[in-house]
Amino acid sequence: MSSIALEKPKTLVSMRLNLKLVDKVKKMLGTKDRTETIEVALEKISEQEKFHQFLKKTAGKLTLAGLDDSGR
């Protein structure tokens, strides 16, 4: 479940956005409106960055159980 569902009340903001891009992403994500589209996209980017930082932190340090030195 996304943390979006557990968030505090929303604040109205004004931004200049490329609506064609927002609508393209809305269609890709299957979200119901532009607000949800932006929230889900930001959440996905946040999670992607956390994963990227994890990969950088653990690069070369992880092994897969059950594999020998040859990778088999």
C-alpha atoms as a PDB file:
ATOM      1  CA  MET A   1       0.000   0.000   0.000  1.00  0.00           C
ATOM      2  CA  SER A   2       1.278   3.443  -0.822  1.00  0.00           C
ATOM      3  CA  SER A   3       1.990   5.893   1.971  1.00  0.00           C
ATOM      4  CA  ILE A   4      -0.134   8.411   0.050  1.00  0.00           C
ATOM      5  CA  ALA A   5      -3.296   6.926   1.564  1.00  0.00           C
ATOM      6  CA  LEU A   6      -2.006   7.720   5.064  1.00  0.00           C
ATOM      7  CA  GLU A   7      -1.005  11.329   4.435  1.00  0.00           C
ATOM      8  CA  LYS A   8      -2.178  14.483   6.112  1.00  0.00           C
ATOM      9  CA  PRO A   9      -4.740  16.790   4.477  1.00  0.00           C
ATOM     10  CA  LYS A  10      -3.640  18.279   1.189  1.00  0.00           C
ATOM     11  CA  THR A  11      -2.589  21.881   0.661  1.00  0.00           C
ATOM     12  CA  LEU A  12      -3.688  23.811  -2.389  1.00  0.00           C
ATOM     13  CA  VAL A  13      -0.684  24.994  -4.426  1.00  0.00           C
ATOM     14  CA  SER A  14      -0.285  26.745  -7.721  1.00  0.00           C
ATOM     15  CA  MET A  15       2.314  25.533 -10.245  1.00  0.00           C
ATOM     16  CA  ARG A  16       3.106  25.811 -13.881  1.00  0.00           C
ATOM     17  CA  LEU A  17       3.135  22.280 -15.288  1.00  0.00           C
ATOM     18  CA  ASN A  18       3.343  20.699 -18.694  1.00  0.00           C
ATOM     19  CA  LEU A  19      -0.200  19.295 -18.693  1.00  0.00           C
ATOM     20  CA  LYS A  20       0.468  17.110 -21.728  1.00  0.00           C
ATOM     21  CA  LEU A  21       3.204  15.406 -19.731  1.00  0.00           C
ATOM     22  CA  VAL A  22       1.032  15.115 -16.616  1.00  0.00           C
ATOM     23  CA  ASP A  23      -1.791  13.611 -18.686  1.00  0.00           C
ATOM     24  CA  LYS A  24       0.632  11.211 -20.398  1.00  0.00           C
ATOM     25  CA  VAL A  25       1.872   9.999 -17.000  1.00  0.00           C
ATOM     26  CA  LYS A  26      -1.726   9.860 -15.721  1.00  0.00           C
ATOM     27  CA  LYS A  27      -2.578   7.451 -18.498  1.00  0.00           C
ATOM     28  CA  MET A  28       0.562   5.385 -17.836  1.00  0.00           C
ATOM     29  CA  LEU A  29      -0.142   5.122 -14.102  1.00  0.00           C
ATOM     30  CA  GLY A  30      -3.892   4.701 -14.430  1.00  0.00           C
ATOM     31  CA  THR A  31      -4.533   7.405 -11.853  1.00  0.00           C
ATOM     32  CA  LYS A  32      -7.899   9.121 -11.547  1.00  0.00           C
ATOM     33  CA  ASP A  33      -6.808  12.764 -11.641  1.00  0.00           C
ATOM     34  CA  ARG A  34      -3.795  15.038 -11.993  1.00  0.00           C
ATOM     35  CA  THR A  35      -3.276  15.410  -8.250  1.00  0.00           C
ATOM     36  CA  GLU A  36      -3.101  11.660  -7.752  1.00  0.00           C
ATOM     37  CA  THR A  37      -0.828  11.402 -10.793  1.00  0.00           C
ATOM     38  CA  ILE A  38       1.694  13.841  -9.363  1.00  0.00           C
ATOM     39  CA  GLU A  39       1.539  12.245  -5.904  1.00  0.00           C
ATOM     40  CA  VAL A  40       2.036   8.709  -7.232  1.00  0.00           C
ATOM     41  CA  ALA A  41       4.825   9.826  -9.570  1.00  0.00           C
ATOM     42  CA  LEU A  42       6.633  11.582  -6.717  1.00  0.00           C
ATOM     43  CA  GLU A  43       6.198   8.536  -4.481  1.00  0.00           C
ATOM     44  CA  LYS A  44       7.628   6.286  -7.208  1.00  0.00           C
ATOM     45  CA  ILE A  45      10.609   8.575  -7.712  1.00  0.00           C
ATOM     46  CA  SER A  46      11.205   8.682  -3.958  1.00  0.00           C
ATOM     47  CA  GLU A  47      11.165   4.876  -3.724  1.00  0.00           C
ATOM     48  CA  GLN A  48      13.377   4.573  -6.803  1.00  0.00           C
ATOM     49  CA  GLU A  49      15.938   6.926  -5.227  1.00  0.00           C
ATOM     50  CA  LYS A  50      15.888   4.949  -1.952  1.00  0.00           C
ATOM     51  CA  PHE A  51      16.590   1.779  -3.942  1.00  0.00           C
ATOM     52  CA  HIS A  52      19.349   3.503  -5.919  1.00  0.00           C
ATOM     53  CA  GLN A  53      21.001   4.636  -2.659  1.00  0.00           C
ATOM     54  CA  PHE A  54      20.706   1.077  -1.298  1.00  0.00           C
ATOM     55  CA  LEU A  55      22.406  -0.292  -4.422  1.00  0.00           C
ATOM     56  CA  LYS A  56      25.219   2.248  -4.123  1.00  0.00           C
ATOM     57  CA  LYS A  57      25.675   1.442  -0.431  1.00  0.00           C
ATOM     58  CA  THR A  58      25.745  -2.329  -0.964  1.00  0.00           C
ATOM     59  CA  ALA A  59      27.571  -2.474  -4.309  1.00  0.00           C
ATOM     60  CA  GLY A  60      29.831  -5.519  -4.325  1.00  0.00           C
ATOM     61  CA  LYS A  61      28.876  -6.501  -0.780  1.00  0.00           C
ATOM     62  CA  LEU A  62      25.909  -8.815  -1.402  1.00  0.00           C
ATOM     63  CA  THR A  63      26.072 -12.486  -2.302  1.00  0.00           C
ATOM     64  CA  LEU A  64      23.372 -14.881  -3.404  1.00  0.00           C
ATOM     65  CA  ALA A  65      22.936 -17.887  -1.138  1.00  0.00           C
ATOM     66  CA  GLY A  66      23.378 -21.237  -2.834  1.00  0.00           C
ATOM     67  CA  LEU A  67      25.801 -20.019  -5.497  1.00  0.00           C
ATOM     68  CA  ASP A  68      29.385 -21.168  -5.587  1.00  0.00           C
ATOM     69  CA  ASP A  69      32.313 -18.958  -6.623  1.00  0.00           C
ATOM     70  CA  SER A  70      31.621 -19.638 -10.315  1.00  0.00           C
ATOM     71  CA  GLY A  71      28.133 -18.128 -10.021  1.00  0.00           C
ATOM     72  CA  ARG A  72      26.370 -21.478 -10.380  1.00  0.00           C
END
